[in-house]
Protein backbone atom coordinates (compact mmCIF):
# COMPACT_ATOMS: atom_id res chain seq x y z
CA ASP A 1 0.00 0.00 0.00
CA LEU A 2 1.53 3.28 -1.12
CA PHE A 3 0.16 5.32 1.77
CA THR A 4 1.32 2.81 4.39
CA MET A 5 4.79 2.80 2.79
CA PHE A 6 4.99 6.57 3.02
CA MET A 7 3.63 6.60 6.58
CA PHE A 8 6.31 4.23 7.85
CA TYR A 9 8.98 6.18 5.98
CA GLU A 10 7.95 9.13 8.15
CA VAL A 11 7.53 7.07 11.33
CA ALA A 12 11.10 5.80 10.95
CA LEU A 13 12.47 9.36 11.14
CA ILE A 14 10.93 10.38 14.47
CA PRO A 15 12.72 7.90 16.76
CA MET A 16 15.97 8.37 14.81
CA TYR A 17 15.97 12.07 15.60
CA LEU A 18 15.38 11.41 19.30
CA LEU A 19 17.81 8.48 19.59
CA ILE A 20 20.64 10.46 18.00
CA GLY A 21 19.80 13.96 19.25
CA VAL A 22 19.20 12.93 22.87
CA TRP A 23 21.30 9.80 23.48
CA GLY A 24 23.99 10.25 20.85
CA SER A 25 27.54 11.59 21.22
CA GLY A 26 29.74 14.18 19.54
CA HIS A 27 27.86 16.67 17.34
CA LYS A 28 24.63 14.85 18.06
CA GLU A 29 22.22 17.80 17.67
CA TYR A 30 23.75 18.78 14.34
CA SER A 31 23.74 15.17 13.07
CA ALA A 32 20.16 14.55 14.17
CA MET A 33 18.94 17.76 12.57
CA LYS A 34 20.86 17.10 9.35
CA LEU A 35 19.46 13.55 9.14
CA THR A 36 15.92 14.74 9.74
CA LEU A 37 16.02 17.66 7.30
CA MET A 38 17.53 15.66 4.44
CA LEU A 39 15.18 12.72 4.89
CA MET A 40 12.18 15.02 5.29
CA GLY A 41 13.23 16.64 2.01
CA GLY A 42 13.35 13.20 0.43
CA SER A 43 9.94 12.37 1.85
CA ALA A 44 8.52 15.57 0.28
CA PHE A 45 9.65 14.35 -3.16
CA LEU A 46 8.23 10.93 -2.34
CA LEU A 47 4.83 12.31 -1.32
CA ILE A 48 4.51 14.22 -4.60
CA GLY A 49 5.54 11.11 -6.52
CA ILE A 50 3.07 8.84 -4.73
CA LEU A 51 0.17 11.23 -5.23
CA GLY A 52 1.17 11.58 -8.89
CA ILE A 53 1.15 7.79 -9.30
CA TYR A 54 -2.28 7.51 -7.67
CA TYR A 55 -3.97 10.24 -9.69
CA GLY A 56 -2.02 9.53 -12.87
CA ALA A 57 -3.10 5.90 -12.85
CA GLY A 58 -6.71 6.84 -12.14
CA ALA A 59 -6.66 4.29 -9.32
CA THR A 60 -9.43 3.76 -6.79
CA SER A 61 -7.04 2.58 -4.06
CA MET A 62 -3.34 2.81 -3.24
CA ASN A 63 -2.86 -0.95 -3.53
CA LEU A 64 0.42 -1.60 -5.36
CA LEU A 65 -0.77 -4.75 -7.13
CA GLU A 66 -3.99 -3.13 -8.28
CA ILE A 67 -2.18 -0.12 -9.72
CA ALA A 68 0.39 -2.34 -11.47
CA GLN A 69 -2.10 -4.82 -12.93
CA MET A 70 -5.21 -2.77 -13.66
CA HIS A 71 -3.99 0.74 -14.40
CA ASN A 72 -1.50 2.29 -16.76
CA ILE A 73 0.30 5.53 -15.94
CA PRO A 74 0.89 7.59 -19.11
CA ILE A 75 4.56 7.80 -20.08
CA GLU A 76 4.43 11.61 -19.99
CA GLN A 77 3.49 11.45 -16.31
CA GLN A 78 5.94 8.62 -15.59
CA ARG A 79 8.78 10.90 -16.68
CA ILE A 80 7.76 13.27 -13.89
CA TRP A 81 6.83 10.87 -11.07
CA PHE A 82 9.62 8.32 -11.54
CA PRO A 83 12.54 10.71 -10.75
CA LEU A 84 10.68 12.13 -7.74
CA THR A 85 9.83 8.70 -6.33
CA PHE A 86 13.27 7.21 -6.98
CA LEU A 87 14.95 10.26 -5.49
CA GLY A 88 12.67 10.19 -2.43
CA PHE A 89 13.61 6.61 -1.63
CA GLY A 90 17.17 7.03 -2.91
CA VAL A 91 17.94 9.65 -0.27
CA LEU A 92 17.19 6.98 2.36
CA GLY A 93 19.49 4.60 0.47
CA ALA A 94 22.39 7.13 0.65
CA LEU A 95 22.23 8.10 -3.03
CA PHE A 96 24.98 10.55 -4.08
CA PRO A 97 24.95 13.55 -3.54
CA PHE A 98 22.22 13.19 -0.88
CA HIS A 99 24.24 10.73 1.23
CA THR A 100 25.84 13.18 3.68
CA TRP A 101 23.23 12.62 6.41
CA SER A 102 24.31 8.99 6.76
CA PRO A 103 27.97 9.23 7.92
CA ASP A 104 27.19 11.99 10.45
CA GLY A 105 24.16 10.09 11.71
CA HIS A 106 26.20 6.90 12.11
CA ALA A 107 29.05 8.63 13.91
CA SER A 108 26.82 10.38 16.47
CA ALA A 109 24.35 7.55 17.11
CA PRO A 110 24.64 5.05 19.96
CA THR A 111 25.91 1.62 18.91
CA ALA A 112 22.52 -0.09 18.81
CA VAL A 113 21.03 2.78 16.79
CA SER A 114 23.90 2.62 14.28
CA MET A 115 23.23 -1.11 13.86
CA LEU A 116 19.53 -0.50 13.16
CA HIS A 117 20.25 2.57 11.06
CA ALA A 118 22.50 0.74 8.59
CA GLY A 119 21.04 -2.74 8.94
CA VAL A 120 17.35 -1.90 8.61
CA LEU A 121 16.51 1.76 7.94
CA MET A 122 18.68 2.24 4.85
CA LYS A 123 17.23 -0.92 3.27
CA LEU A 124 13.84 0.78 3.05
CA GLY A 125 15.35 3.06 0.40
CA GLY A 126 16.43 0.24 -1.90
CA TYR A 127 13.18 -1.63 -1.39
CA GLY A 128 11.08 1.42 -2.25
CA CYS A 129 13.09 2.20 -5.41
CA PHE A 130 12.57 -1.37 -6.62
CA ARG A 131 9.04 -2.09 -5.42
CA ILE A 132 7.42 1.26 -6.23
CA ALA A 133 9.49 3.47 -8.56
CA ILE A 134 10.67 0.80 -11.01
CA TYR A 135 7.76 -1.65 -10.65
CA LEU A 136 4.98 0.90 -11.21
CA MET A 137 6.76 3.01 -13.84
CA PRO A 138 8.82 0.61 -15.96
CA GLU A 139 8.84 2.72 -19.14
CA ALA A 140 10.30 5.75 -17.36
CA ALA A 141 12.76 3.48 -15.55
CA GLN A 142 14.06 2.21 -18.88
CA GLU A 143 14.20 5.72 -20.31
CA LEU A 144 15.62 7.70 -17.35
CA GLY A 145 17.43 5.01 -15.38
CA TRP A 146 20.81 5.97 -16.86
CA ILE A 147 20.78 9.23 -14.87
CA PHE A 148 20.48 7.41 -11.56
CA LEU A 149 22.90 4.72 -12.74
CA ILE A 150 25.59 7.41 -12.95
CA LEU A 151 24.72 8.72 -9.48
CA THR A 152 24.74 5.23 -7.93
CA GLY A 153 28.03 4.40 -9.67
CA ILE A 154 29.53 7.53 -8.14
CA SER A 155 28.11 6.50 -4.73
CA VAL A 156 29.86 3.13 -4.96
CA VAL A 157 33.31 4.50 -5.83
CA TYR A 158 33.11 7.78 -3.89
CA GLY A 159 31.97 6.01 -0.70
CA ALA A 160 34.93 3.61 -0.90
CA PHE A 161 37.46 6.39 -1.56
CA SER A 162 36.01 8.48 1.29
CA ALA A 163 36.40 5.56 3.71
CA CYS A 164 40.12 5.43 2.84
CA VAL A 165 40.82 8.88 4.30
CA GLN A 166 38.76 8.70 7.50
CA THR A 167 40.36 8.34 10.93
CA ASP A 168 37.20 7.59 12.95
CA LEU A 169 36.16 3.93 13.04
CA LYS A 170 32.48 4.81 12.71
CA TYR A 171 33.03 7.17 9.81
CA ILE A 172 35.02 4.48 8.00
CA ASN A 173 32.16 2.03 8.35
CA ALA A 174 29.59 4.72 7.51
CA TYR A 175 31.24 5.63 4.20
CA SER A 176 31.64 1.92 3.51
CA SER A 177 27.86 1.68 3.94
CA VAL A 178 27.37 4.46 1.38
CA SER A 179 29.40 2.40 -1.08
CA HIS A 180 27.61 -0.89 -0.38
CA CYS A 181 24.12 0.63 -0.37
CA GLY A 182 25.02 2.30 -3.65
CA LEU A 183 25.59 -1.20 -5.05
CA VAL A 184 21.99 -2.08 -4.15
CA LEU A 185 20.55 0.80 -6.17
CA PHE A 186 23.10 0.21 -8.94
CA ALA A 187 22.00 -3.41 -9.34
CA ILE A 188 18.30 -2.57 -9.26
CA LEU A 189 18.76 -0.17 -12.18
CA MET A 190 20.18 -2.99 -14.34
CA MET A 191 16.65 -4.41 -14.34
CA ASN A 192 17.46 -8.07 -14.93
CA ARG A 193 16.81 -11.06 -12.71
CA THR A 194 20.41 -11.82 -11.72
CA ALA A 195 21.30 -8.23 -10.79
CA CYS A 196 18.07 -7.70 -8.85
CA THR A 197 18.62 -10.96 -6.97
CA GLY A 198 22.10 -9.68 -6.12
CA ALA A 199 20.63 -6.39 -4.89
CA ILE A 200 18.39 -8.19 -2.38
CA LEU A 201 21.28 -10.42 -1.31
CA GLN A 202 23.38 -7.28 -0.80
CA MET A 203 20.65 -5.82 1.42
CA LEU A 204 20.78 -8.92 3.63
CA SER A 205 24.57 -9.19 3.56
CA HIS A 206 25.19 -5.50 4.26
CA GLY A 207 22.66 -5.47 7.09
CA LEU A 208 24.46 -8.33 8.82
CA MET A 209 28.02 -7.14 8.11
CA THR A 210 27.42 -3.54 9.10
CA ALA A 211 25.58 -4.50 12.27
CA LEU A 212 28.55 -6.71 13.15
CA PHE A 213 31.02 -3.90 12.43
CA PHE A 214 29.15 -1.32 14.48
CA ALA A 215 28.71 -3.77 17.37
CA LEU A 216 32.46 -4.45 17.44
CA ILE A 217 33.30 -0.75 17.13
CA GLY A 218 30.98 -0.03 20.07
CA MET A 219 32.64 -2.76 22.16
CA ILE A 220 36.13 -1.47 21.36
CA TYR A 221 35.10 2.13 22.06
CA GLY A 222 33.50 1.12 25.37
CA ARG A 223 36.89 -0.15 26.53
CA THR A 224 39.37 2.26 24.92
CA HIS A 225 37.11 5.38 24.93
CA THR A 226 38.39 6.36 21.50
CA ARG A 227 37.45 5.64 17.90
CA ASP A 228 40.49 7.40 16.45
CA VAL A 229 42.50 4.95 14.36
CA ARG A 230 45.71 6.87 15.14
CA GLU A 231 45.33 6.14 18.87
CA LEU A 232 44.72 2.38 18.52
CA SER A 233 47.28 -0.38 17.94
CA GLY A 234 48.11 -3.91 19.08
CA LEU A 235 44.55 -4.82 20.09
CA MET A 236 44.97 -8.44 18.92
CA LYS A 237 47.04 -9.25 22.01
CA ILE A 238 44.79 -7.32 24.39
CA MET A 239 41.32 -8.43 23.26
CA PRO A 240 41.87 -11.39 20.90
CA PHE A 241 38.20 -12.41 20.57
CA LEU A 242 37.02 -8.97 19.50
CA ALA A 243 40.06 -8.56 17.21
CA VAL A 244 39.51 -11.87 15.41
CA CYS A 245 35.82 -11.06 14.96
CA TYR A 246 36.80 -7.65 13.55
CA VAL A 247 39.06 -9.37 11.02
CA ILE A 248 36.19 -11.66 9.97
CA ALA A 249 33.86 -8.65 9.58
CA GLY A 250 36.49 -6.84 7.52
CA LEU A 251 37.06 -9.83 5.24
CA ALA A 252 33.29 -10.13 4.70
CA ASN A 253 33.17 -6.44 3.84
CA LEU A 254 35.90 -6.70 1.19
CA GLY A 255 34.23 -9.74 -0.41
CA LEU A 256 36.20 -12.79 0.74
CA PRO A 257 34.77 -15.99 -0.80
CA GLY A 258 32.89 -18.04 1.78
CA LEU A 259 31.30 -14.99 3.39
CA SER A 260 28.13 -13.12 2.44
CA GLY A 261 29.81 -10.10 0.84
CA PHE A 262 31.33 -12.20 -1.94
CA ILE A 263 28.05 -13.88 -2.88
CA ALA A 264 26.13 -10.60 -3.03
CA GLU A 265 28.74 -8.63 -4.98
CA MET A 266 29.49 -11.42 -7.45
CA THR A 267 25.79 -11.80 -8.21
CA ILE A 268 25.45 -8.03 -8.70
CA PHE A 269 28.46 -7.70 -11.01
CA THR A 270 27.58 -10.83 -12.99
CA GLY A 271 24.02 -9.62 -13.52
CA SER A 272 25.15 -6.08 -14.31
CA PHE A 273 27.62 -7.22 -16.97
CA GLN A 274 24.86 -9.29 -18.60
CA HIS A 275 23.29 -6.02 -19.73
CA PRO A 276 23.91 -5.77 -23.50
CA ASP A 277 24.37 -1.98 -23.51
CA THR A 278 27.99 -0.71 -23.56
CA PHE A 279 27.13 2.24 -21.28
CA HIS A 280 25.88 -0.11 -18.55
CA ARG A 281 28.90 -2.38 -18.92
CA VAL A 282 31.35 0.51 -18.62
CA TRP A 283 29.71 1.64 -15.40
CA THR A 284 29.79 -1.96 -14.15
CA VAL A 285 33.57 -1.99 -14.64
CA ILE A 286 33.84 1.32 -12.77
CA ALA A 287 31.73 -0.05 -9.91
CA CYS A 288 33.88 -3.19 -9.81
CA SER A 289 36.88 -1.03 -8.96
CA SER A 290 35.31 -0.45 -5.54
CA ILE A 291 36.38 -4.00 -4.61
CA VAL A 292 40.05 -2.99 -4.80
CA ILE A 293 39.47 0.27 -2.92
CA THR A 294 37.54 -1.58 -0.19
CA ALA A 295 40.41 -4.04 0.23
CA VAL A 296 42.81 -1.10 0.66
CA TYR A 297 41.01 0.61 3.55
CA ILE A 298 39.95 -2.61 5.28
CA LEU A 299 43.42 -4.20 5.28
CA ARG A 300 45.10 -0.92 6.27
CA LEU A 301 42.63 -0.52 9.12
CA ILE A 302 43.08 -4.07 10.40
CA GLY A 303 46.86 -3.78 10.24
CA LYS A 304 46.87 -0.44 12.05
CA ILE A 305 44.56 -1.10 15.01
CA LEU A 306 44.98 -4.84 15.60
CA TYR A 307 48.62 -5.65 14.91
CA GLY A 308 51.92 -4.16 15.94
CA THR A 309 52.84 -2.98 19.43
CA CYS A 310 50.32 -1.32 21.73
CA THR A 311 51.53 2.26 22.24
CA ASN A 312 49.04 3.19 24.99
CA LYS A 313 49.92 1.57 28.32
CA HIS A 314 46.36 2.09 29.62
CA HIS A 315 45.04 -0.21 26.89
CA LEU A 316 47.18 -3.10 28.21
CA THR A 317 44.83 -3.57 31.17
CA LEU A 318 41.63 -3.78 29.10
CA SER A 319 39.40 -6.86 29.11
CA ASP A 320 38.09 -8.92 26.24
CA ALA A 321 34.42 -9.45 25.33
CA THR A 322 31.93 -10.59 27.96
CA TRP A 323 29.70 -13.64 27.41
CA ASP A 324 26.70 -11.62 26.24
CA GLU A 325 28.85 -9.65 23.77
CA ARG A 326 30.34 -12.90 22.49
CA THR A 327 26.86 -14.36 21.98
CA ALA A 328 25.66 -11.39 19.91
CA VAL A 329 28.80 -11.31 17.78
CA ILE A 330 28.86 -15.08 17.18
CA ILE A 331 25.23 -15.05 16.00
CA LEU A 332 25.98 -12.30 13.45
CA ILE A 333 29.14 -14.05 12.22
CA ALA A 334 27.21 -17.33 11.87
CA CYS A 335 24.60 -15.59 9.71
CA VAL A 336 27.29 -13.95 7.53
CA ALA A 337 29.07 -17.29 7.08
CA ALA A 338 25.84 -19.23 6.44
CA LEU A 339 24.77 -16.79 3.72
CA GLY A 340 28.23 -16.95 2.17
CA MET A 341 28.70 -20.74 2.21
CA ALA A 342 25.11 -21.84 1.48
CA PRO A 343 23.43 -19.06 -0.48
CA TRP A 344 21.36 -21.19 -2.86
CA TRP A 345 18.36 -21.65 -0.56
CA ILE A 346 17.80 -17.93 -0.15
CA SER A 347 19.01 -16.78 -3.60
CA GLY A 348 16.53 -19.16 -5.25
CA MET A 349 13.69 -17.78 -3.15
CA ILE A 350 14.71 -14.20 -3.96
CA GLY A 351 15.06 -14.98 -7.67
CA ASP A 352 11.54 -16.39 -7.81
CA SER A 353 10.20 -13.36 -5.97
CA VAL A 354 11.78 -10.73 -8.21
CA LEU A 355 10.83 -12.56 -11.42
CA PRO A 356 7.31 -11.05 -11.75
CA ILE A 357 8.71 -7.53 -11.43
CA VAL A 358 11.53 -8.20 -13.90
CA ASN A 359 9.06 -9.76 -16.36
CA ALA A 360 6.96 -6.61 -16.14
CA LEU A 361 10.02 -4.58 -17.11
């Protein structure tokens, strides 16, 4: 239901503002206000787009299936409503250049809020772009999709490059999220079954990986009271459990085979390169370069904070993870590994689910 979708888009913003603005850290008021204003701007575009779809289709209800099956939106109107709807949801999916709310929001939010923010909230953007913008306006998606393909391609590469120059652990993971969420929108715009299946797999994979990363960052910060990469070193000897888990999360993020990141990204790039158009293939090659950039900042980060000699004597007395922290981390790692080593059961289900939408395209 279009109205329900919009309502929960708005409902998701209210607790985020309070959770970051009241219980956050650092520049929490600025980050909360920036997040709210940018997403409210996106929701304004979305509201116009949804009303345009409803009246343009001459529908009697806001039921998605009814509009898709029984009504036809004129192409002249699709050219107007598609960019507004895709942009409205794309802001929530950290679409360049409207992504800047995400890193600041991540950095200022409490650990649990960062996990929900990246793992759940940002996925609403990709889902809406696919389920509403592309599904209900396929002709405009085919005609105007190249514009957003360029923006999502920039998101993928720019987010990875930005992560390379950050010194705050949360900002590194936040810009990494911009890159990985950009892959979701990038794959959706290829509009074939393999790429769209990869986009959904990436949503699942990124939600698990990023939640794991933010959980570990929160645990490390709770002990060291710093997220500055320049002030951390030699943590592998001090807190071996957390350090090993951080290595696993990093390897999943850079796409190591056997973990969920590899399955999702390989499916996306395979499906994207299946597109017969040279323009789409060139941008696929550009997006593929993000794999190398991701490996650079992940391996540099792991080498800097986990290995070597601990230079802060106060860190030598720190404790490793408690049993409840170990339980949470192990569950997330098990999910990441299960999706990476046995993806066929869920990829088949996703492929069957996206097929009706792809056939409509």
